[in-house]
């Protein structure tokens, strides 16, 4: 994703240059965003969804 961003956008001429710089900085780190849960936090719910006899169409 980062490569496509760098290829398609001329950041030096963009009104959104600051936003792009922040996005690149965020994408280059291994730190999870505040709203992203780690895998272990949702594992119980995924197993339930896969093993439920009457699974819902949308979770």
C-alpha atoms as a PDB file:
ATOM      1  CA  UNK A   1       0.000   0.000   0.000  1.00  0.00           C
ATOM      2  CA  UNK A   2       2.779   2.388   0.873  1.00  0.00           C
ATOM      3  CA  UNK A   3       4.523   1.791  -2.441  1.00  0.00           C
ATOM      4  CA  UNK A   4       1.360   2.608  -4.387  1.00  0.00           C
ATOM      5  CA  UNK A   5       0.904   5.778  -2.363  1.00  0.00           C
ATOM      6  CA  UNK A   6       4.432   6.936  -3.097  1.00  0.00           C
ATOM      7  CA  UNK A   7       4.123   6.146  -6.822  1.00  0.00           C
ATOM      8  CA  UNK A   8       0.784   7.831  -7.455  1.00  0.00           C
ATOM      9  CA  UNK A   9       0.898  10.967  -5.320  1.00  0.00           C
ATOM     10  CA  UNK A  10       3.172  13.955  -5.737  1.00  0.00           C
ATOM     11  CA  UNK A  11       3.292  14.923  -2.076  1.00  0.00           C
ATOM     12  CA  UNK A  12       5.406  18.033  -2.604  1.00  0.00           C
ATOM     13  CA  UNK A  13       2.647  19.616  -4.720  1.00  0.00           C
ATOM     14  CA  UNK A  14      -0.290  18.392  -2.669  1.00  0.00           C
ATOM     15  CA  UNK A  15      -2.457  20.335  -0.234  1.00  0.00           C
ATOM     16  CA  UNK A  16      -2.500  17.173   1.892  1.00  0.00           C
ATOM     17  CA  UNK A  17       1.272  16.872   2.254  1.00  0.00           C
ATOM     18  CA  UNK A  18       1.202  16.901   6.052  1.00  0.00           C
ATOM     19  CA  UNK A  19      -1.453  14.160   6.162  1.00  0.00           C
ATOM     20  CA  UNK A  20       0.565  12.027   3.757  1.00  0.00           C
ATOM     21  CA  UNK A  21       3.700  12.442   5.853  1.00  0.00           C
ATOM     22  CA  UNK A  22       1.826  11.348   8.978  1.00  0.00           C
ATOM     23  CA  UNK A  23       0.349   8.372   7.109  1.00  0.00           C
ATOM     24  CA  UNK A  24       3.778   7.270   5.864  1.00  0.00           C
ATOM     25  CA  UNK A  25       5.215   7.576   9.355  1.00  0.00           C
ATOM     26  CA  UNK A  26       2.367   5.455  10.754  1.00  0.00           C
ATOM     27  CA  UNK A  27       2.640   2.816   8.019  1.00  0.00           C
ATOM     28  CA  UNK A  28       6.388   2.443   8.544  1.00  0.00           C
ATOM     29  CA  UNK A  29       5.960   1.450  12.198  1.00  0.00           C
ATOM     30  CA  UNK A  30       4.898  -1.896  13.646  1.00  0.00           C
ATOM     31  CA  UNK A  31       2.723  -0.199  16.245  1.00  0.00           C
ATOM     32  CA  UNK A  32      -0.988  -0.988  16.030  1.00  0.00           C
ATOM     33  CA  UNK A  33      -3.445   1.861  15.755  1.00  0.00           C
ATOM     34  CA  UNK A  34      -5.463   2.596  18.904  1.00  0.00           C
ATOM     35  CA  UNK A  35      -8.656   1.176  17.382  1.00  0.00           C
ATOM     36  CA  UNK A  36      -7.145  -2.124  16.195  1.00  0.00           C
ATOM     37  CA  UNK A  37      -7.474  -5.119  18.486  1.00  0.00           C
ATOM     38  CA  UNK A  38      -4.765  -7.756  18.685  1.00  0.00           C
ATOM     39  CA  UNK A  39      -5.595 -11.208  17.306  1.00  0.00           C
ATOM     40  CA  UNK A  40      -5.979 -12.802  20.736  1.00  0.00           C
ATOM     41  CA  UNK A  41      -8.693 -10.304  21.671  1.00  0.00           C
ATOM     42  CA  UNK A  42     -11.053 -11.523  18.943  1.00  0.00           C
ATOM     43  CA  UNK A  43     -10.080 -15.189  18.746  1.00  0.00           C
ATOM     44  CA  UNK A  44     -12.946 -16.304  21.024  1.00  0.00           C
ATOM     45  CA  UNK A  45     -15.502 -14.573  18.789  1.00  0.00           C
ATOM     46  CA  UNK A  46     -14.030 -15.959  15.572  1.00  0.00           C
ATOM     47  CA  UNK A  47     -14.130 -19.513  16.920  1.00  0.00           C
ATOM     48  CA  UNK A  48     -17.730 -18.999  18.020  1.00  0.00           C
ATOM     49  CA  UNK A  49     -18.711 -17.669  14.589  1.00  0.00           C
ATOM     50  CA  UNK A  50     -17.092 -20.613  12.825  1.00  0.00           C
ATOM     51  CA  UNK A  51     -18.497 -23.302  15.110  1.00  0.00           C
ATOM     52  CA  UNK A  52     -22.004 -21.940  15.735  1.00  0.00           C
ATOM     53  CA  UNK A  53     -24.864 -24.221  14.662  1.00  0.00           C
ATOM     54  CA  UNK A  54     -27.040 -21.248  13.728  1.00  0.00           C
ATOM     55  CA  UNK A  55     -24.422 -18.787  12.555  1.00  0.00           C
ATOM     56  CA  UNK A  56     -25.499 -15.232  11.818  1.00  0.00           C
ATOM     57  CA  UNK A  57     -25.111 -13.832   8.333  1.00  0.00           C
ATOM     58  CA  UNK A  58     -23.319 -10.763   9.670  1.00  0.00           C
ATOM     59  CA  UNK A  59     -21.331 -10.342  12.869  1.00  0.00           C
END
